[in-house]
Structure formats: C-alpha cells, structure tokens
mmCIF file of all heavy atoms, coordinates in Angstrom:
data_MODEL
# 
_entry.id   MODEL 
# 
loop_
_atom_site.group_PDB 
_atom_site.id 
_atom_site.type_symbol 
_atom_site.label_atom_id 
_atom_site.label_alt_id 
_atom_site.label_comp_id 
_atom_site.label_asym_id 
_atom_site.label_entity_id 
_atom_site.label_seq_id 
_atom_site.pdbx_PDB_ins_code 
_atom_site.Cartn_x 
_atom_site.Cartn_y 
_atom_site.Cartn_z 
_atom_site.occupancy 
_atom_site.B_iso_or_equiv 
_atom_site.pdbx_formal_charge 
_atom_site.auth_seq_id 
_atom_site.auth_comp_id 
_atom_site.auth_asym_id 
_atom_site.auth_atom_id 
_atom_site.pdbx_PDB_model_num 
ATOM 1   N N   . LEU A 1 1  ? -16.595 -6.413  5.638  1.00 0.00 ? 1  LEU A N   1 
ATOM 2   C CA  . LEU A 1 1  ? -15.279 -5.812  5.823  1.00 0.00 ? 1  LEU A CA  1 
ATOM 3   C C   . LEU A 1 1  ? -14.267 -6.338  4.874  1.00 0.00 ? 1  LEU A C   1 
ATOM 4   O O   . LEU A 1 1  ? -14.165 -7.525  4.680  1.00 0.00 ? 1  LEU A O   1 
ATOM 5   C CB  . LEU A 1 1  ? -14.831 -5.992  7.270  1.00 0.00 ? 1  LEU A CB  1 
ATOM 6   C CG  . LEU A 1 1  ? -13.412 -5.540  7.656  1.00 0.00 ? 1  LEU A CG  1 
ATOM 7   C CD1 . LEU A 1 1  ? -13.345 -4.028  7.654  1.00 0.00 ? 1  LEU A CD1 1 
ATOM 8   C CD2 . LEU A 1 1  ? -13.067 -6.096  9.087  1.00 0.00 ? 1  LEU A CD2 1 
ATOM 9   N N   . ARG A 1 2  ? -13.500 -5.412  4.216  1.00 0.00 ? 2  ARG A N   1 
ATOM 10  C CA  . ARG A 1 2  ? -12.380 -5.832  3.342  1.00 0.00 ? 2  ARG A CA  1 
ATOM 11  C C   . ARG A 1 2  ? -11.255 -4.837  3.497  1.00 0.00 ? 2  ARG A C   1 
ATOM 12  O O   . ARG A 1 2  ? -11.444 -3.640  3.425  1.00 0.00 ? 2  ARG A O   1 
ATOM 13  C CB  . ARG A 1 2  ? -12.810 -5.894  1.925  1.00 0.00 ? 2  ARG A CB  1 
ATOM 14  C CG  . ARG A 1 2  ? -11.691 -6.259  0.971  1.00 0.00 ? 2  ARG A CG  1 
ATOM 15  C CD  . ARG A 1 2  ? -12.100 -6.419  -0.485 1.00 0.00 ? 2  ARG A CD  1 
ATOM 16  N NE  . ARG A 1 2  ? -10.992 -6.585  -1.333 1.00 0.00 ? 2  ARG A NE  1 
ATOM 17  C CZ  . ARG A 1 2  ? -10.280 -7.669  -1.557 1.00 0.00 ? 2  ARG A CZ  1 
ATOM 18  N NH1 . ARG A 1 2  ? -10.640 -8.729  -0.923 1.00 0.00 ? 2  ARG A NH1 1 
ATOM 19  N NH2 . ARG A 1 2  ? -9.279  -7.720  -2.379 1.00 0.00 ? 2  ARG A NH2 1 
ATOM 20  N N   . ILE A 1 3  ? -10.039 -5.365  3.754  1.00 0.00 ? 3  ILE A N   1 
ATOM 21  C CA  . ILE A 1 3  ? -8.846  -4.620  3.958  1.00 0.00 ? 3  ILE A CA  1 
ATOM 22  C C   . ILE A 1 3  ? -7.749  -5.223  3.081  1.00 0.00 ? 3  ILE A C   1 
ATOM 23  O O   . ILE A 1 3  ? -7.589  -6.478  3.071  1.00 0.00 ? 3  ILE A O   1 
ATOM 24  C CB  . ILE A 1 3  ? -8.373  -4.567  5.388  1.00 0.00 ? 3  ILE A CB  1 
ATOM 25  C CG1 . ILE A 1 3  ? -9.553  -4.141  6.299  1.00 0.00 ? 3  ILE A CG1 1 
ATOM 26  C CG2 . ILE A 1 3  ? -7.180  -3.643  5.608  1.00 0.00 ? 3  ILE A CG2 1 
ATOM 27  C CD1 . ILE A 1 3  ? -9.387  -4.538  7.764  1.00 0.00 ? 3  ILE A CD1 1 
ATOM 28  N N   . SER A 1 4  ? -6.979  -4.453  2.397  1.00 0.00 ? 4  SER A N   1 
ATOM 29  C CA  . SER A 1 4  ? -5.931  -4.971  1.480  1.00 0.00 ? 4  SER A CA  1 
ATOM 30  C C   . SER A 1 4  ? -4.824  -3.962  1.325  1.00 0.00 ? 4  SER A C   1 
ATOM 31  O O   . SER A 1 4  ? -5.008  -2.757  1.398  1.00 0.00 ? 4  SER A O   1 
ATOM 32  C CB  . SER A 1 4  ? -6.503  -5.372  0.128  1.00 0.00 ? 4  SER A CB  1 
ATOM 33  O OG  . SER A 1 4  ? -6.959  -4.221  -0.582 1.00 0.00 ? 4  SER A OG  1 
ATOM 34  N N   . HIS A 1 5  ? -3.630  -4.508  1.076  1.00 0.00 ? 5  HIS A N   1 
ATOM 35  C CA  . HIS A 1 5  ? -2.454  -3.684  0.742  1.00 0.00 ? 5  HIS A CA  1 
ATOM 36  C C   . HIS A 1 5  ? -1.440  -4.636  0.078  1.00 0.00 ? 5  HIS A C   1 
ATOM 37  O O   . HIS A 1 5  ? -1.570  -5.824  0.123  1.00 0.00 ? 5  HIS A O   1 
ATOM 38  C CB  . HIS A 1 5  ? -1.874  -2.992  1.961  1.00 0.00 ? 5  HIS A CB  1 
ATOM 39  C CG  . HIS A 1 5  ? -1.096  -3.941  2.812  1.00 0.00 ? 5  HIS A CG  1 
ATOM 40  N ND1 . HIS A 1 5  ? 0.278   -3.899  2.938  1.00 0.00 ? 5  HIS A ND1 1 
ATOM 41  C CD2 . HIS A 1 5  ? -1.503  -4.964  3.631  1.00 0.00 ? 5  HIS A CD2 1 
ATOM 42  C CE1 . HIS A 1 5  ? 0.680   -4.837  3.798  1.00 0.00 ? 5  HIS A CE1 1 
ATOM 43  N NE2 . HIS A 1 5  ? -0.366  -5.480  4.218  1.00 0.00 ? 5  HIS A NE2 1 
ATOM 44  N N   . ARG A 1 6  ? -0.389  -3.996  -0.517 1.00 0.00 ? 6  ARG A N   1 
ATOM 45  C CA  . ARG A 1 6  ? 0.639   -4.810  -1.129 1.00 0.00 ? 6  ARG A CA  1 
ATOM 46  C C   . ARG A 1 6  ? 1.990   -4.216  -0.731 1.00 0.00 ? 6  ARG A C   1 
ATOM 47  O O   . ARG A 1 6  ? 2.394   -3.158  -1.264 1.00 0.00 ? 6  ARG A O   1 
ATOM 48  C CB  . ARG A 1 6  ? 0.477   -4.785  -2.674 1.00 0.00 ? 6  ARG A CB  1 
ATOM 49  C CG  . ARG A 1 6  ? 1.441   -5.693  -3.413 1.00 0.00 ? 6  ARG A CG  1 
ATOM 50  C CD  . ARG A 1 6  ? 1.271   -5.593  -4.926 1.00 0.00 ? 6  ARG A CD  1 
ATOM 51  N NE  . ARG A 1 6  ? -0.025  -6.031  -5.353 1.00 0.00 ? 6  ARG A NE  1 
ATOM 52  C CZ  . ARG A 1 6  ? -0.272  -7.310  -5.655 1.00 0.00 ? 6  ARG A CZ  1 
ATOM 53  N NH1 . ARG A 1 6  ? 0.695   -8.248  -5.578 1.00 0.00 ? 6  ARG A NH1 1 
ATOM 54  N NH2 . ARG A 1 6  ? -1.483  -7.679  -6.035 1.00 0.00 ? 6  ARG A NH2 1 
ATOM 55  N N   . SER A 1 7  ? 2.684   -4.808  0.202  1.00 0.00 ? 7  SER A N   1 
ATOM 56  C CA  . SER A 1 7  ? 3.958   -4.360  0.692  1.00 0.00 ? 7  SER A CA  1 
ATOM 57  C C   . SER A 1 7  ? 4.517   -5.427  1.614  1.00 0.00 ? 7  SER A C   1 
ATOM 58  O O   . SER A 1 7  ? 3.887   -6.444  1.869  1.00 0.00 ? 7  SER A O   1 
ATOM 59  C CB  . SER A 1 7  ? 3.798   -3.017  1.409  1.00 0.00 ? 7  SER A CB  1 
ATOM 60  O OG  . SER A 1 7  ? 3.148   -3.156  2.645  1.00 0.00 ? 7  SER A OG  1 
ATOM 61  N N   . ARG A 1 8  ? 5.672   -5.109  2.162  1.00 0.00 ? 8  ARG A N   1 
ATOM 62  C CA  . ARG A 1 8  ? 6.328   -5.981  3.146  1.00 0.00 ? 8  ARG A CA  1 
ATOM 63  C C   . ARG A 1 8  ? 5.751   -5.716  4.551  1.00 0.00 ? 8  ARG A C   1 
ATOM 64  O O   . ARG A 1 8  ? 6.131   -6.432  5.473  1.00 0.00 ? 8  ARG A O   1 
ATOM 65  C CB  . ARG A 1 8  ? 7.816   -5.821  3.136  1.00 0.00 ? 8  ARG A CB  1 
ATOM 66  C CG  . ARG A 1 8  ? 8.508   -6.308  1.879  1.00 0.00 ? 8  ARG A CG  1 
ATOM 67  C CD  . ARG A 1 8  ? 10.026  -6.096  1.893  1.00 0.00 ? 8  ARG A CD  1 
ATOM 68  N NE  . ARG A 1 8  ? 10.648  -6.705  3.061  1.00 0.00 ? 8  ARG A NE  1 
ATOM 69  C CZ  . ARG A 1 8  ? 11.134  -6.066  4.083  1.00 0.00 ? 8  ARG A CZ  1 
ATOM 70  N NH1 . ARG A 1 8  ? 11.041  -4.725  4.104  1.00 0.00 ? 8  ARG A NH1 1 
ATOM 71  N NH2 . ARG A 1 8  ? 11.708  -6.699  5.120  1.00 0.00 ? 8  ARG A NH2 1 
ATOM 72  N N   . ASN A 1 9  ? 4.903   -4.726  4.698  1.00 0.00 ? 9  ASN A N   1 
ATOM 73  C CA  . ASN A 1 9  ? 4.255   -4.494  5.974  1.00 0.00 ? 9  ASN A CA  1 
ATOM 74  C C   . ASN A 1 9  ? 3.191   -5.566  6.233  1.00 0.00 ? 9  ASN A C   1 
ATOM 75  O O   . ASN A 1 9  ? 2.818   -6.291  5.349  1.00 0.00 ? 9  ASN A O   1 
ATOM 76  C CB  . ASN A 1 9  ? 3.615   -3.041  5.988  1.00 0.00 ? 9  ASN A CB  1 
ATOM 77  C CG  . ASN A 1 9  ? 4.637   -2.013  5.640  1.00 0.00 ? 9  ASN A CG  1 
ATOM 78  O OD1 . ASN A 1 9  ? 5.805   -2.058  6.052  1.00 0.00 ? 9  ASN A OD1 1 
ATOM 79  N ND2 . ASN A 1 9  ? 4.243   -1.017  4.875  1.00 0.00 ? 9  ASN A ND2 1 
ATOM 80  N N   . HIS A 1 10 ? 2.709   -5.560  7.491  1.00 0.00 ? 10 HIS A N   1 
ATOM 81  C CA  . HIS A 1 10 ? 1.725   -6.532  7.883  1.00 0.00 ? 10 HIS A CA  1 
ATOM 82  C C   . HIS A 1 10 ? 0.572   -5.904  8.631  1.00 0.00 ? 10 HIS A C   1 
ATOM 83  O O   . HIS A 1 10 ? 0.773   -5.033  9.506  1.00 0.00 ? 10 HIS A O   1 
ATOM 84  C CB  . HIS A 1 10 ? 2.356   -7.645  8.801  1.00 0.00 ? 10 HIS A CB  1 
ATOM 85  C CG  . HIS A 1 10 ? 3.405   -8.507  8.093  1.00 0.00 ? 10 HIS A CG  1 
ATOM 86  N ND1 . HIS A 1 10 ? 3.098   -9.457  7.164  1.00 0.00 ? 10 HIS A ND1 1 
ATOM 87  C CD2 . HIS A 1 10 ? 4.754   -8.456  8.177  1.00 0.00 ? 10 HIS A CD2 1 
ATOM 88  C CE1 . HIS A 1 10 ? 4.201   -10.038 6.731  1.00 0.00 ? 10 HIS A CE1 1 
ATOM 89  N NE2 . HIS A 1 10 ? 5.215   -9.433  7.327  1.00 0.00 ? 10 HIS A NE2 1 
ATOM 90  N N   . LEU A 1 11 ? -0.646  -6.317  8.263  1.00 0.00 ? 11 LEU A N   1 
ATOM 91  C CA  . LEU A 1 11 ? -1.835  -5.882  8.965  1.00 0.00 ? 11 LEU A CA  1 
ATOM 92  C C   . LEU A 1 11 ? -1.904  -6.567  10.286 1.00 0.00 ? 11 LEU A C   1 
ATOM 93  O O   . LEU A 1 11 ? -1.625  -7.734  10.464 1.00 0.00 ? 11 LEU A O   1 
ATOM 94  C CB  . LEU A 1 11 ? -3.114  -6.198  8.150  1.00 0.00 ? 11 LEU A CB  1 
ATOM 95  C CG  . LEU A 1 11 ? -3.175  -5.579  6.729  1.00 0.00 ? 11 LEU A CG  1 
ATOM 96  C CD1 . LEU A 1 11 ? -4.349  -6.138  6.006  1.00 0.00 ? 11 LEU A CD1 1 
ATOM 97  C CD2 . LEU A 1 11 ? -3.231  -4.056  6.824  1.00 0.00 ? 11 LEU A CD2 1 
ATOM 98  N N   . ALA A 1 12 ? -2.374  -5.797  11.305 1.00 0.00 ? 12 ALA A N   1 
ATOM 99  C CA  . ALA A 1 12 ? -2.520  -6.389  12.627 1.00 0.00 ? 12 ALA A CA  1 
ATOM 100 C C   . ALA A 1 12 ? -3.956  -6.004  13.119 1.00 0.00 ? 12 ALA A C   1 
ATOM 101 O O   . ALA A 1 12 ? -4.437  -4.882  12.867 1.00 0.00 ? 12 ALA A O   1 
ATOM 102 C CB  . ALA A 1 12 ? -1.508  -5.868  13.610 1.00 0.00 ? 12 ALA A CB  1 
ATOM 103 N N   . LEU A 1 13 ? -4.608  -6.931  13.806 1.00 0.00 ? 13 LEU A N   1 
ATOM 104 C CA  . LEU A 1 13 ? -5.957  -6.699  14.226 1.00 0.00 ? 13 LEU A CA  1 
ATOM 105 C C   . LEU A 1 13 ? -6.029  -6.943  15.735 1.00 0.00 ? 13 LEU A C   1 
ATOM 106 O O   . LEU A 1 13 ? -5.575  -7.995  16.230 1.00 0.00 ? 13 LEU A O   1 
ATOM 107 C CB  . LEU A 1 13 ? -6.899  -7.677  13.530 1.00 0.00 ? 13 LEU A CB  1 
ATOM 108 C CG  . LEU A 1 13 ? -8.409  -7.420  13.651 1.00 0.00 ? 13 LEU A CG  1 
ATOM 109 C CD1 . LEU A 1 13 ? -8.776  -6.092  13.117 1.00 0.00 ? 13 LEU A CD1 1 
ATOM 110 C CD2 . LEU A 1 13 ? -9.188  -8.523  12.998 1.00 0.00 ? 13 LEU A CD2 1 
ATOM 111 N N   . MET A 1 14 ? -6.588  -5.956  16.444 1.00 0.00 ? 14 MET A N   1 
ATOM 112 C CA  . MET A 1 14 ? -6.696  -6.028  17.893 1.00 0.00 ? 14 MET A CA  1 
ATOM 113 C C   . MET A 1 14 ? -8.155  -6.047  18.281 1.00 0.00 ? 14 MET A C   1 
ATOM 114 O O   . MET A 1 14 ? -8.992  -5.287  17.755 1.00 0.00 ? 14 MET A O   1 
ATOM 115 C CB  . MET A 1 14 ? -6.013  -4.816  18.565 1.00 0.00 ? 14 MET A CB  1 
ATOM 116 C CG  . MET A 1 14 ? -6.075  -4.819  20.045 1.00 0.00 ? 14 MET A CG  1 
ATOM 117 S SD  . MET A 1 14 ? -5.315  -3.299  20.792 1.00 0.00 ? 14 MET A SD  1 
ATOM 118 C CE  . MET A 1 14 ? -3.573  -3.593  20.395 1.00 0.00 ? 14 MET A CE  1 
ATOM 119 N N   . GLY A 1 15 ? -8.539  -6.950  19.207 1.00 0.00 ? 15 GLY A N   1 
ATOM 120 C CA  . GLY A 1 15 ? -9.877  -7.082  19.636 1.00 0.00 ? 15 GLY A CA  1 
ATOM 121 C C   . GLY A 1 15 ? -10.233 -6.003  20.645 1.00 0.00 ? 15 GLY A C   1 
ATOM 122 O O   . GLY A 1 15 ? -9.415  -5.213  21.109 1.00 0.00 ? 15 GLY A O   1 
ATOM 123 N N   . GLY A 1 16 ? -11.529 -5.999  21.048 1.00 0.00 ? 16 GLY A N   1 
ATOM 124 C CA  . GLY A 1 16 ? -11.978 -4.950  21.947 1.00 0.00 ? 16 GLY A CA  1 
ATOM 125 C C   . GLY A 1 16 ? -11.396 -5.058  23.337 1.00 0.00 ? 16 GLY A C   1 
ATOM 126 O O   . GLY A 1 16 ? -11.396 -4.084  24.094 1.00 0.00 ? 16 GLY A O   1 
ATOM 127 N N   . ASP A 1 17 ? -10.854 -6.257  23.699 1.00 0.00 ? 17 ASP A N   1 
ATOM 128 C CA  . ASP A 1 17 ? -10.272 -6.385  25.017 1.00 0.00 ? 17 ASP A CA  1 
ATOM 129 C C   . ASP A 1 17 ? -8.781  -6.043  25.073 1.00 0.00 ? 17 ASP A C   1 
ATOM 130 O O   . ASP A 1 17 ? -8.112  -6.165  26.086 1.00 0.00 ? 17 ASP A O   1 
ATOM 131 C CB  . ASP A 1 17 ? -10.444 -7.851  25.518 1.00 0.00 ? 17 ASP A CB  1 
ATOM 132 C CG  . ASP A 1 17 ? -9.801  -8.864  24.548 1.00 0.00 ? 17 ASP A CG  1 
ATOM 133 O OD1 . ASP A 1 17 ? -9.282  -8.452  23.452 1.00 0.00 ? 17 ASP A OD1 1 
ATOM 134 O OD2 . ASP A 1 17 ? -9.822  -10.070 24.863 1.00 0.00 ? 17 ASP A OD2 1 
ATOM 135 N N   . GLY A 1 18 ? -8.260  -5.549  23.920 1.00 0.00 ? 18 GLY A N   1 
ATOM 136 C CA  . GLY A 1 18 ? -6.851  -5.130  23.883 1.00 0.00 ? 18 GLY A CA  1 
ATOM 137 C C   . GLY A 1 18 ? -5.917  -6.202  23.487 1.00 0.00 ? 18 GLY A C   1 
ATOM 138 O O   . GLY A 1 18 ? -4.698  -5.945  23.348 1.00 0.00 ? 18 GLY A O   1 
ATOM 139 N N   . SER A 1 19 ? -6.335  -7.450  23.255 1.00 0.00 ? 19 SER A N   1 
ATOM 140 C CA  . SER A 1 19 ? -5.459  -8.509  22.840 1.00 0.00 ? 19 SER A CA  1 
ATOM 141 C C   . SER A 1 19 ? -5.469  -8.635  21.350 1.00 0.00 ? 19 SER A C   1 
ATOM 142 O O   . SER A 1 19 ? -6.534  -8.405  20.716 1.00 0.00 ? 19 SER A O   1 
ATOM 143 C CB  . SER A 1 19 ? -5.860  -9.821  23.508 1.00 0.00 ? 19 SER A CB  1 
ATOM 144 O OG  . SER A 1 19 ? -7.211  -10.187 23.152 1.00 0.00 ? 19 SER A OG  1 
ATOM 145 N N   . TYR A 1 20 ? -4.358  -9.051  20.765 1.00 0.00 ? 20 TYR A N   1 
ATOM 146 C CA  . TYR A 1 20 ? -4.217  -9.156  19.327 1.00 0.00 ? 20 TYR A CA  1 
ATOM 147 C C   . TYR A 1 20 ? -4.938  -10.402 18.809 1.00 0.00 ? 20 TYR A C   1 
ATOM 148 O O   . TYR A 1 20 ? -4.807  -11.487 19.410 1.00 0.00 ? 20 TYR A O   1 
ATOM 149 C CB  . TYR A 1 20 ? -2.779  -9.133  18.883 1.00 0.00 ? 20 TYR A CB  1 
ATOM 150 C CG  . TYR A 1 20 ? -2.172  -7.783  18.856 1.00 0.00 ? 20 TYR A CG  1 
ATOM 151 C CD1 . TYR A 1 20 ? -1.392  -7.272  19.924 1.00 0.00 ? 20 TYR A CD1 1 
ATOM 152 C CD2 . TYR A 1 20 ? -2.366  -6.939  17.778 1.00 0.00 ? 20 TYR A CD2 1 
ATOM 153 C CE1 . TYR A 1 20 ? -0.815  -6.034  19.842 1.00 0.00 ? 20 TYR A CE1 1 
ATOM 154 C CE2 . TYR A 1 20 ? -1.843  -5.650  17.698 1.00 0.00 ? 20 TYR A CE2 1 
ATOM 155 C CZ  . TYR A 1 20 ? -1.050  -5.217  18.749 1.00 0.00 ? 20 TYR A CZ  1 
ATOM 156 O OH  . TYR A 1 20 ? -0.484  -3.987  18.683 1.00 0.00 ? 20 TYR A OH  1 
ATOM 157 N N   . VAL A 1 21 ? -5.614  -10.279 17.679 1.00 0.00 ? 21 VAL A N   1 
ATOM 158 C CA  . VAL A 1 21 ? -6.238  -11.420 17.053 1.00 0.00 ? 21 VAL A CA  1 
ATOM 159 C C   . VAL A 1 21 ? -5.189  -12.047 16.083 1.00 0.00 ? 21 VAL A C   1 
ATOM 160 O O   . VAL A 1 21 ? -5.090  -13.252 15.989 1.00 0.00 ? 21 VAL A O   1 
ATOM 161 C CB  . VAL A 1 21 ? -7.492  -10.979 16.239 1.00 0.00 ? 21 VAL A CB  1 
ATOM 162 C CG1 . VAL A 1 21 ? -8.061  -12.155 15.472 1.00 0.00 ? 21 VAL A CG1 1 
ATOM 163 C CG2 . VAL A 1 21 ? -8.500  -10.377 17.174 1.00 0.00 ? 21 VAL A CG2 1 
ATOM 164 N N   . LEU A 1 22 ? -4.473  -11.238 15.419 1.00 0.00 ? 22 LEU A N   1 
ATOM 165 C CA  . LEU A 1 22 ? -3.356  -11.761 14.528 1.00 0.00 ? 22 LEU A CA  1 
ATOM 166 C C   . LEU A 1 22 ? -2.264  -10.717 14.343 1.00 0.00 ? 22 LEU A C   1 
ATOM 167 O O   . LEU A 1 22 ? -2.536  -9.500  14.478 1.00 0.00 ? 22 LEU A O   1 
ATOM 168 C CB  . LEU A 1 22 ? -3.937  -12.171 13.179 1.00 0.00 ? 22 LEU A CB  1 
ATOM 169 C CG  . LEU A 1 22 ? -4.769  -11.173 12.332 1.00 0.00 ? 22 LEU A CG  1 
ATOM 170 C CD1 . LEU A 1 22 ? -3.910  -10.323 11.427 1.00 0.00 ? 22 LEU A CD1 1 
ATOM 171 C CD2 . LEU A 1 22 ? -5.790  -11.917 11.502 1.00 0.00 ? 22 LEU A CD2 1 
ATOM 172 N N   . ASN A 1 23 ? -1.114  -11.166 14.074 1.00 0.00 ? 23 ASN A N   1 
ATOM 173 C CA  . ASN A 1 23 ? 0.104   -10.362 13.795 1.00 0.00 ? 23 ASN A CA  1 
ATOM 174 C C   . ASN A 1 23 ? 0.448   -9.354  14.927 1.00 0.00 ? 23 ASN A C   1 
ATOM 175 O O   . ASN A 1 23 ? 0.878   -8.239  14.648 1.00 0.00 ? 23 ASN A O   1 
ATOM 176 C CB  . ASN A 1 23 ? -0.030  -9.619  12.462 1.00 0.00 ? 23 ASN A CB  1 
ATOM 177 C CG  . ASN A 1 23 ? -0.050  -10.545 11.266 1.00 0.00 ? 23 ASN A CG  1 
ATOM 178 O OD1 . ASN A 1 23 ? 0.312   -11.719 11.405 1.00 0.00 ? 23 ASN A OD1 1 
ATOM 179 N ND2 . ASN A 1 23 ? -0.487  -10.046 10.161 1.00 0.00 ? 23 ASN A ND2 1 
ATOM 180 N N   . GLY A 1 24 ? 0.175   -9.755  16.153 1.00 0.00 ? 24 GLY A N   1 
ATOM 181 C CA  . GLY A 1 24 ? 0.507   -8.910  17.268 1.00 0.00 ? 24 GLY A CA  1 
ATOM 182 C C   . GLY A 1 24 ? 1.796   -9.286  17.940 1.00 0.00 ? 24 GLY A C   1 
ATOM 183 O O   . GLY A 1 24 ? 2.347   -10.367 17.782 1.00 0.00 ? 24 GLY A O   1 
# 
C-alpha cells in the first residue's frame, strides 16, 4: 500500500472497528 499527496490537508486512517489509527 502506498498513499501520497502534497498539500496542507492531512490523510486520516480508520480501522475496521471505527476508531482512528492516525489523524482522527
């Protein structure tokens, strides 16, 4: 898996249980 972007926005990742892994 690879995800990338360039901006002031932030990637957020949510697990299968509905809780955020990062940036939530």
